[in-house]
C-alpha atoms as a PDB file:
ATOM      1  CA  UNK A   1     -18.579  -5.838  16.295  1.00  0.00           C
ATOM      2  CA  UNK A   2     -19.505  -6.322  12.565  1.00  0.00           C
ATOM      3  CA  UNK A   3     -17.154  -8.366  10.483  1.00  0.00           C
ATOM      4  CA  UNK A   4     -15.809  -8.314   6.957  1.00  0.00           C
ATOM      5  CA  UNK A   5     -14.192 -11.271   5.141  1.00  0.00           C
ATOM      6  CA  UNK A   6     -11.669 -11.296   2.395  1.00  0.00           C
ATOM      7  CA  UNK A   7     -10.358 -14.298   0.574  1.00  0.00           C
ATOM      8  CA  UNK A   8      -6.897 -14.026  -0.886  1.00  0.00           C
ATOM      9  CA  UNK A   9      -4.748 -16.580  -3.008  1.00  0.00           C
ATOM     10  CA  UNK A  10      -1.157 -16.818  -1.827  1.00  0.00           C
ATOM     11  CA  UNK A  11       1.729 -17.325  -4.265  1.00  0.00           C
ATOM     12  CA  UNK A  12       1.843 -21.111  -3.461  1.00  0.00           C
ATOM     13  CA  UNK A  13      -1.841 -21.321  -4.526  1.00  0.00           C
ATOM     14  CA  UNK A  14      -3.126 -21.712  -0.992  1.00  0.00           C
ATOM     15  CA  UNK A  15      -6.003 -19.749  -0.054  1.00  0.00           C
ATOM     16  CA  UNK A  16      -6.060 -17.490   3.083  1.00  0.00           C
ATOM     17  CA  UNK A  17      -9.174 -15.903   4.529  1.00  0.00           C
ATOM     18  CA  UNK A  18      -8.845 -12.927   6.775  1.00  0.00           C
ATOM     19  CA  UNK A  19     -11.681 -11.844   8.805  1.00  0.00           C
ATOM     20  CA  UNK A  20     -11.607  -8.342  10.435  1.00  0.00           C
ATOM     21  CA  UNK A  21     -13.938  -5.720  11.793  1.00  0.00           C
ATOM     22  CA  UNK A  22     -15.986  -3.578   9.145  1.00  0.00           C
ATOM     23  CA  UNK A  23     -14.525  -0.444  11.004  1.00  0.00           C
ATOM     24  CA  UNK A  24     -12.226   0.330   8.249  1.00  0.00           C
ATOM     25  CA  UNK A  25     -11.844  -1.111   4.538  1.00  0.00           C
ATOM     26  CA  UNK A  26      -8.562  -3.039   3.523  1.00  0.00           C
ATOM     27  CA  UNK A  27      -6.460  -0.433   1.735  1.00  0.00           C
ATOM     28  CA  UNK A  28      -3.997  -2.683   0.171  1.00  0.00           C
ATOM     29  CA  UNK A  29      -2.795  -6.390  -0.209  1.00  0.00           C
ATOM     30  CA  UNK A  30       0.650  -7.287  -1.326  1.00  0.00           C
ATOM     31  CA  UNK A  31       2.115 -10.831  -1.377  1.00  0.00           C
ATOM     32  CA  UNK A  32       5.749 -12.159  -1.537  1.00  0.00           C
ATOM     33  CA  UNK A  33       7.513 -15.479  -2.309  1.00  0.00           C
ATOM     34  CA  UNK A  34      11.147 -16.577  -2.386  1.00  0.00           C
ATOM     35  CA  UNK A  35      12.686 -19.397  -4.369  1.00  0.00           C
ATOM     36  CA  UNK A  36      15.962 -20.994  -3.680  1.00  0.00           C
ATOM     37  CA  UNK A  37      18.124 -23.993  -4.833  1.00  0.00           C
ATOM     38  CA  UNK A  38      21.777 -24.592  -4.167  1.00  0.00           C
ATOM     39  CA  UNK A  39      23.521 -21.347  -3.830  1.00  0.00           C
ATOM     40  CA  UNK A  40      20.906 -19.496  -5.984  1.00  0.00           C
ATOM     41  CA  UNK A  41      18.006 -17.567  -4.500  1.00  0.00           C
ATOM     42  CA  UNK A  42      15.541 -14.913  -5.699  1.00  0.00           C
ATOM     43  CA  UNK A  43      12.542 -13.251  -4.412  1.00  0.00           C
ATOM     44  CA  UNK A  44       9.407 -11.534  -5.797  1.00  0.00           C
ATOM     45  CA  UNK A  45       6.579  -9.239  -4.774  1.00  0.00           C
ATOM     46  CA  UNK A  46       3.064  -9.436  -6.127  1.00  0.00           C
ATOM     47  CA  UNK A  47       0.899  -6.313  -6.011  1.00  0.00           C
ATOM     48  CA  UNK A  48      -2.209  -5.070  -7.838  1.00  0.00           C
ATOM     49  CA  UNK A  49      -2.002  -3.413 -11.236  1.00  0.00           C
ATOM     50  CA  UNK A  50      -0.165  -0.241 -11.167  1.00  0.00           C
ATOM     51  CA  UNK A  51       2.390  -1.637  -8.712  1.00  0.00           C
ATOM     52  CA  UNK A  52       5.374  -1.179 -10.995  1.00  0.00           C
ATOM     53  CA  UNK A  53       4.540   2.550 -11.683  1.00  0.00           C
ATOM     54  CA  UNK A  54       3.977   3.128  -7.979  1.00  0.00           C
ATOM     55  CA  UNK A  55       7.353   1.727  -6.940  1.00  0.00           C
ATOM     56  CA  UNK A  56       9.189   3.666  -9.642  1.00  0.00           C
ATOM     57  CA  UNK A  57       7.609   6.885  -8.784  1.00  0.00           C
ATOM     58  CA  UNK A  58       7.251   6.814  -4.890  1.00  0.00           C
ATOM     59  CA  UNK A  59       9.598   4.192  -3.521  1.00  0.00           C
ATOM     60  CA  UNK A  60      12.654   4.437  -5.515  1.00  0.00           C
ATOM     61  CA  UNK A  61      12.429   6.892  -8.393  1.00  0.00           C
ATOM     62  CA  UNK A  62      13.529   4.902 -11.547  1.00  0.00           C
ATOM     63  CA  UNK A  63      13.161   5.144 -15.356  1.00  0.00           C
ATOM     64  CA  UNK A  64      12.070   2.544 -17.915  1.00  0.00           C
ATOM     65  CA  UNK A  65      15.003   0.902 -19.637  1.00  0.00           C
ATOM     66  CA  UNK A  66      13.607  -2.119 -21.471  1.00  0.00           C
ATOM     67  CA  UNK A  67      10.393  -3.770 -22.626  1.00  0.00           C
ATOM     68  CA  UNK A  68      10.181  -7.506 -23.404  1.00  0.00           C
ATOM     69  CA  UNK A  69       7.454 -10.126 -23.805  1.00  0.00           C
ATOM     70  CA  UNK A  70       7.528 -13.417 -21.853  1.00  0.00           C
ATOM     71  CA  UNK A  71       4.926 -15.983 -22.887  1.00  0.00           C
ATOM     72  CA  UNK A  72       2.743 -13.086 -24.091  1.00  0.00           C
ATOM     73  CA  UNK A  73       2.984 -10.975 -21.218  1.00  0.00           C
ATOM     74  CA  UNK A  74       4.832  -7.659 -21.014  1.00  0.00           C
ATOM     75  CA  UNK A  75       7.839  -7.368 -18.619  1.00  0.00           C
ATOM     76  CA  UNK A  76       9.000  -3.807 -17.714  1.00  0.00           C
ATOM     77  CA  UNK A  77      12.583  -3.271 -16.620  1.00  0.00           C
ATOM     78  CA  UNK A  78      13.382   0.027 -14.728  1.00  0.00           C
ATOM     79  CA  UNK A  79      16.709   1.403 -13.416  1.00  0.00           C
ATOM     80  CA  UNK A  80      16.768   3.745 -10.352  1.00  0.00           C
ATOM     81  CA  UNK A  81      17.920   7.307 -10.918  1.00  0.00           C
ATOM     82  CA  UNK A  82      20.843   6.635  -8.738  1.00  0.00           C
ATOM     83  CA  UNK A  83      21.602   3.311 -10.495  1.00  0.00           C
ATOM     84  CA  UNK A  84      21.961   1.470  -7.106  1.00  0.00           C
ATOM     85  CA  UNK A  85      18.999  -0.745  -7.810  1.00  0.00           C
ATOM     86  CA  UNK A  86      16.678  -1.830 -10.565  1.00  0.00           C
ATOM     87  CA  UNK A  87      13.284  -3.750 -10.957  1.00  0.00           C
ATOM     88  CA  UNK A  88      11.787  -5.986 -13.467  1.00  0.00           C
ATOM     89  CA  UNK A  89       7.952  -6.548 -13.420  1.00  0.00           C
ATOM     90  CA  UNK A  90       5.671  -8.937 -15.292  1.00  0.00           C
ATOM     91  CA  UNK A  91       2.256  -7.318 -15.963  1.00  0.00           C
ATOM     92  CA  UNK A  92      -0.535  -9.854 -15.466  1.00  0.00           C
ATOM     93  CA  UNK A  93      -4.317  -9.418 -16.124  1.00  0.00           C
ATOM     94  CA  UNK A  94      -5.008  -8.507 -12.398  1.00  0.00           C
ATOM     95  CA  UNK A  95      -1.677  -8.379 -10.664  1.00  0.00           C
ATOM     96  CA  UNK A  96       1.919  -7.523 -11.285  1.00  0.00           C
ATOM     97  CA  UNK A  97       5.029  -9.672 -10.403  1.00  0.00           C
ATOM     98  CA  UNK A  98       8.235  -7.615  -9.501  1.00  0.00           C
ATOM     99  CA  UNK A  99      11.655  -8.612  -8.433  1.00  0.00           C
ATOM    100  CA  UNK A 100      14.552  -6.296  -7.477  1.00  0.00           C
ATOM    101  CA  UNK A 101      18.008  -6.266  -8.653  1.00  0.00           C
ATOM    102  CA  UNK A 102      21.183  -4.634  -7.094  1.00  0.00           C
ATOM    103  CA  UNK A 103      22.801  -2.150  -9.265  1.00  0.00           C
ATOM    104  CA  UNK A 104      22.085  -1.029 -12.946  1.00  0.00           C
ATOM    105  CA  UNK A 105      19.325  -2.737 -14.941  1.00  0.00           C
ATOM    106  CA  UNK A 106      20.366  -6.462 -15.849  1.00  0.00           C
ATOM    107  CA  UNK A 107      20.693  -7.638 -19.415  1.00  0.00           C
ATOM    108  CA  UNK A 108      17.624  -8.555 -21.396  1.00  0.00           C
ATOM    109  CA  UNK A 109      18.419 -12.249 -21.615  1.00  0.00           C
ATOM    110  CA  UNK A 110      18.864 -12.346 -17.744  1.00  0.00           C
ATOM    111  CA  UNK A 111      15.523 -10.993 -17.204  1.00  0.00           C
ATOM    112  CA  UNK A 112      13.725 -13.152 -19.976  1.00  0.00           C
ATOM    113  CA  UNK A 113      15.396 -16.385 -18.426  1.00  0.00           C
ATOM    114  CA  UNK A 114      14.317 -15.401 -14.971  1.00  0.00           C
ATOM    115  CA  UNK A 115      10.598 -14.916 -15.944  1.00  0.00           C
ATOM    116  CA  UNK A 116      10.719 -17.833 -18.341  1.00  0.00           C
ATOM    117  CA  UNK A 117      11.596 -20.208 -15.438  1.00  0.00           C
ATOM    118  CA  UNK A 118       8.314 -19.618 -13.650  1.00  0.00           C
ATOM    119  CA  UNK A 119       4.864 -20.921 -13.938  1.00  0.00           C
ATOM    120  CA  UNK A 120       2.407 -18.122 -13.276  1.00  0.00           C
ATOM    121  CA  UNK A 121      -1.352 -18.260 -12.964  1.00  0.00           C
ATOM    122  CA  UNK A 122      -3.280 -14.831 -12.318  1.00  0.00           C
ATOM    123  CA  UNK A 123      -6.510 -15.045 -10.261  1.00  0.00           C
ATOM    124  CA  UNK A 124      -8.771 -12.041  -9.187  1.00  0.00           C
ATOM    125  CA  UNK A 125      -7.872 -12.970  -5.564  1.00  0.00           C
ATOM    126  CA  UNK A 126      -4.028 -13.453  -6.154  1.00  0.00           C
ATOM    127  CA  UNK A 127      -1.245 -14.610  -8.256  1.00  0.00           C
ATOM    128  CA  UNK A 128       0.190 -18.085  -8.050  1.00  0.00           C
ATOM    129  CA  UNK A 129       3.844 -18.324  -8.899  1.00  0.00           C
ATOM    130  CA  UNK A 130       5.932 -21.530  -9.018  1.00  0.00           C
ATOM    131  CA  UNK A 131       9.222 -22.417 -10.422  1.00  0.00           C
ATOM    132  CA  UNK A 132       9.293 -24.874 -13.396  1.00  0.00           C
ATOM    133  CA  UNK A 133      10.430 -28.345 -12.336  1.00  0.00           C
ATOM    134  CA  UNK A 134      13.647 -28.147 -14.579  1.00  0.00           C
ATOM    135  CA  UNK A 135      15.030 -25.219 -12.410  1.00  0.00           C
ATOM    136  CA  UNK A 136      15.380 -27.505  -9.304  1.00  0.00           C
ATOM    137  CA  UNK A 137      14.246 -24.437  -7.279  1.00  0.00           C
ATOM    138  CA  UNK A 138      11.958 -24.787  -4.214  1.00  0.00           C
ATOM    139  CA  UNK A 139       9.691 -22.453  -2.597  1.00  0.00           C
ATOM    140  CA  UNK A 140      11.369 -21.179   0.472  1.00  0.00           C
ATOM    141  CA  UNK A 141       8.922 -18.813   2.036  1.00  0.00           C
ATOM    142  CA  UNK A 142       5.828 -16.837   1.194  1.00  0.00           C
ATOM    143  CA  UNK A 143       3.732 -14.055   2.875  1.00  0.00           C
ATOM    144  CA  UNK A 144       0.640 -12.144   2.422  1.00  0.00           C
ATOM    145  CA  UNK A 145       0.431  -8.748   3.740  1.00  0.00           C
ATOM    146  CA  UNK A 146      -2.910  -6.901   4.449  1.00  0.00           C
ATOM    147  CA  UNK A 147      -3.001  -3.229   5.391  1.00  0.00           C
ATOM    148  CA  UNK A 148      -5.760  -1.306   6.923  1.00  0.00           C
ATOM    149  CA  UNK A 149      -5.550   2.399   7.039  1.00  0.00           C
ATOM    150  CA  UNK A 150      -5.411   3.988  10.558  1.00  0.00           C
ATOM    151  CA  UNK A 151      -5.364   0.615  12.308  1.00  0.00           C
ATOM    152  CA  UNK A 152      -2.313  -1.554  11.187  1.00  0.00           C
ATOM    153  CA  UNK A 153      -1.096  -4.202   9.052  1.00  0.00           C
ATOM    154  CA  UNK A 154      -0.905  -7.980   9.078  1.00  0.00           C
ATOM    155  CA  UNK A 155       1.950  -9.947   7.854  1.00  0.00           C
ATOM    156  CA  UNK A 156       0.720 -13.664   7.210  1.00  0.00           C
ATOM    157  CA  UNK A 157       3.368 -16.241   6.678  1.00  0.00           C
ATOM    158  CA  UNK A 158       2.632 -19.602   4.853  1.00  0.00           C
ATOM    159  CA  UNK A 159       1.381 -22.489   6.807  1.00  0.00           C
ATOM    160  CA  UNK A 160       4.748 -24.188   6.690  1.00  0.00           C
ATOM    161  CA  UNK A 161       6.486 -21.210   8.469  1.00  0.00           C
ATOM    162  CA  UNK A 162       3.718 -20.288  10.870  1.00  0.00           C
ATOM    163  CA  UNK A 163       4.908 -22.443  13.813  1.00  0.00           C
ATOM    164  CA  UNK A 164       8.209 -20.684  13.823  1.00  0.00           C
ATOM    165  CA  UNK A 165       6.579 -17.507  14.499  1.00  0.00           C
ATOM    166  CA  UNK A 166       4.205 -18.354  17.309  1.00  0.00           C
ATOM    167  CA  UNK A 167       5.709 -18.685  20.933  1.00  0.00           C
ATOM    168  CA  UNK A 168       5.507 -21.919  22.769  1.00  0.00           C
ATOM    169  CA  UNK A 169       3.926 -20.272  25.843  1.00  0.00           C
ATOM    170  CA  UNK A 170       0.279 -19.385  26.263  1.00  0.00           C
ATOM    171  CA  UNK A 171      -0.737 -15.690  24.977  1.00  0.00           C
ATOM    172  CA  UNK A 172      -3.443 -13.482  25.900  1.00  0.00           C
ATOM    173  CA  UNK A 173      -6.849 -14.633  24.734  1.00  0.00           C
ATOM    174  CA  UNK A 174      -8.594 -12.880  21.577  1.00  0.00           C
ATOM    175  CA  UNK A 175     -12.000 -13.511  19.968  1.00  0.00           C
ATOM    176  CA  UNK A 176     -10.375 -16.123  17.443  1.00  0.00           C
ATOM    177  CA  UNK A 177      -7.263 -17.261  19.397  1.00  0.00           C
ATOM    178  CA  UNK A 178      -4.454 -15.767  21.185  1.00  0.00           C
ATOM    179  CA  UNK A 179      -1.967 -12.958  21.057  1.00  0.00           C
ATOM    180  CA  UNK A 180       1.663 -12.165  22.087  1.00  0.00           C
ATOM    181  CA  UNK A 181       3.344  -9.013  22.315  1.00  0.00           C
ATOM    182  CA  UNK A 182       7.024  -8.232  21.507  1.00  0.00           C
ATOM    183  CA  UNK A 183       9.070  -5.003  21.680  1.00  0.00           C
ATOM    184  CA  UNK A 184      10.913  -3.811  18.640  1.00  0.00           C
ATOM    185  CA  UNK A 185      14.697  -3.908  18.762  1.00  0.00           C
ATOM    186  CA  UNK A 186      16.081  -1.293  20.893  1.00  0.00           C
ATOM    187  CA  UNK A 187      12.761  -0.396  22.690  1.00  0.00           C
ATOM    188  CA  UNK A 188      12.808  -0.704  26.515  1.00  0.00           C
ATOM    189  CA  UNK A 189       9.776  -0.365  28.990  1.00  0.00           C
ATOM    190  CA  UNK A 190       7.586   1.356  26.466  1.00  0.00           C
ATOM    191  CA  UNK A 191       3.608   0.781  26.968  1.00  0.00           C
ATOM    192  CA  UNK A 192       2.884   2.199  23.426  1.00  0.00           C
ATOM    193  CA  UNK A 193       1.372  -0.321  21.204  1.00  0.00           C
ATOM    194  CA  UNK A 194       3.289   1.200  18.167  1.00  0.00           C
ATOM    195  CA  UNK A 195       6.511   0.205  19.900  1.00  0.00           C
ATOM    196  CA  UNK A 196       5.516  -3.492  19.832  1.00  0.00           C
ATOM    197  CA  UNK A 197       4.783  -6.128  17.170  1.00  0.00           C
ATOM    198  CA  UNK A 198       1.882  -8.550  18.046  1.00  0.00           C
ATOM    199  CA  UNK A 199       1.947 -12.226  17.114  1.00  0.00           C
ATOM    200  CA  UNK A 200      -1.514 -13.350  16.526  1.00  0.00           C
ATOM    201  CA  UNK A 201      -2.308 -17.246  16.764  1.00  0.00           C
ATOM    202  CA  UNK A 202      -5.309 -18.629  15.229  1.00  0.00           C
ATOM    203  CA  UNK A 203      -6.701 -22.139  14.723  1.00  0.00           C
ATOM    204  CA  UNK A 204      -5.527 -22.121  11.207  1.00  0.00           C
ATOM    205  CA  UNK A 205      -3.000 -19.374  10.803  1.00  0.00           C
ATOM    206  CA  UNK A 206      -0.618 -16.957  12.304  1.00  0.00           C
ATOM    207  CA  UNK A 207      -0.048 -13.323  11.588  1.00  0.00           C
ATOM    208  CA  UNK A 208       2.526 -10.581  12.783  1.00  0.00           C
ATOM    209  CA  UNK A 209       0.457  -7.585  13.374  1.00  0.00           C
ATOM    210  CA  UNK A 210       1.837  -4.067  13.401  1.00  0.00           C
ATOM    211  CA  UNK A 211      -0.552  -1.363  14.799  1.00  0.00           C
ATOM    212  CA  UNK A 212      -0.070   2.038  13.409  1.00  0.00           C
ATOM    213  CA  UNK A 213      -0.159   5.588  15.024  1.00  0.00           C
ATOM    214  CA  UNK A 214      -3.007   7.689  13.713  1.00  0.00           C
ATOM    215  CA  UNK A 215      -4.829  10.611  14.829  1.00  0.00           C
ATOM    216  CA  UNK A 216      -7.985   9.090  13.378  1.00  0.00           C
ATOM    217  CA  UNK A 217      -8.101   6.076  15.750  1.00  0.00           C
ATOM    218  CA  UNK A 218      -7.267   5.823  19.652  1.00  0.00           C
ATOM    219  CA  UNK A 219      -4.847   3.071  20.959  1.00  0.00           C
ATOM    220  CA  UNK A 220      -7.901   1.270  22.398  1.00  0.00           C
ATOM    221  CA  UNK A 221      -9.662   1.331  19.122  1.00  0.00           C
ATOM    222  CA  UNK A 222      -6.635  -0.352  17.551  1.00  0.00           C
ATOM    223  CA  UNK A 223      -6.340  -2.881  20.250  1.00  0.00           C
ATOM    224  CA  UNK A 224     -10.040  -3.674  19.836  1.00  0.00           C
ATOM    225  CA  UNK A 225      -9.423  -4.130  16.116  1.00  0.00           C
ATOM    226  CA  UNK A 226      -6.652  -6.444  16.809  1.00  0.00           C
ATOM    227  CA  UNK A 227      -8.856  -8.494  19.194  1.00  0.00           C
ATOM    228  CA  UNK A 228     -11.327  -9.211  16.425  1.00  0.00           C
ATOM    229  CA  UNK A 229      -8.906 -10.310  13.855  1.00  0.00           C
ATOM    230  CA  UNK A 230      -8.823 -13.945  12.424  1.00  0.00           C
ATOM    231  CA  UNK A 231      -6.558 -15.714   9.906  1.00  0.00           C
ATOM    232  CA  UNK A 232      -7.348 -19.188   8.169  1.00  0.00           C
ATOM    233  CA  UNK A 233      -5.603 -20.962   5.544  1.00  0.00           C
ATOM    234  CA  UNK A 234      -7.176 -23.406   3.169  1.00  0.00           C
ATOM    235  CA  UNK A 235      -6.917 -24.593  -0.492  1.00  0.00           C
ATOM    236  CA  UNK A 236      -7.258 -22.163  -3.485  1.00  0.00           C
ATOM    237  CA  UNK A 237     -10.412 -22.392  -5.453  1.00  0.00           C
ATOM    238  CA  UNK A 238     -12.104 -20.347  -8.170  1.00  0.00           C
ATOM    239  CA  UNK A 239     -11.384 -19.928 -11.822  1.00  0.00           C
ATOM    240  CA  UNK A 240      -7.813 -18.801 -12.937  1.00  0.00           C
ATOM    241  CA  UNK A 241      -6.472 -16.587 -15.724  1.00  0.00           C
ATOM    242  CA  UNK A 242      -3.421 -18.245 -16.971  1.00  0.00           C
ATOM    243  CA  UNK A 243      -0.457 -15.930 -17.453  1.00  0.00           C
ATOM    244  CA  UNK A 244       2.356 -18.345 -18.505  1.00  0.00           C
END
């Protein structure tokens, strides 16, 4: 089966290479990172340009409440129409960095302090986000999510958390590693692939794969697609566009 390869940069700066069948193109890539220190923790999602507008239109309808500038980059603050949540998003050259708050839009100073506490570098292949040393925050987790329409999605944890995802016993062999199947909570005695998550273990990476139900593909085609997947972590390279 012919293969395609995409090289992505995770929030930590590490590079993850995803190899998958050419059957269908990648429809979206989103990354996430969470920082914590003491009793404080905060999470961010990174998407392509237009990510903020899409979320405020299709995910949780929201209206713009504030605009501010952090290190020369615009930050947009929007509040959900029901006022139960709000989002703040920094607009980079290639990507957008978003965080979600519970309740109404936070005050301007709080949003400025949050984004000002980060070191952000925007690459074509991904945005690198790290807390400034003075914050005493550490990166607790990160993930890269790759979605292929009509086949499924891969949620790829950072190398430091990959071992916790893969079972200790041997899985079924795949072209590039092995795979384990686990039923979703509440599912019993179902043979449908969409009722299970698949843990894919490769030589240099692990992914949680979710196969979708689609009239455009058969269950066997989706399983064949899963069999060809490969995930490999390495170091980031290439030129960067510095955001702040």
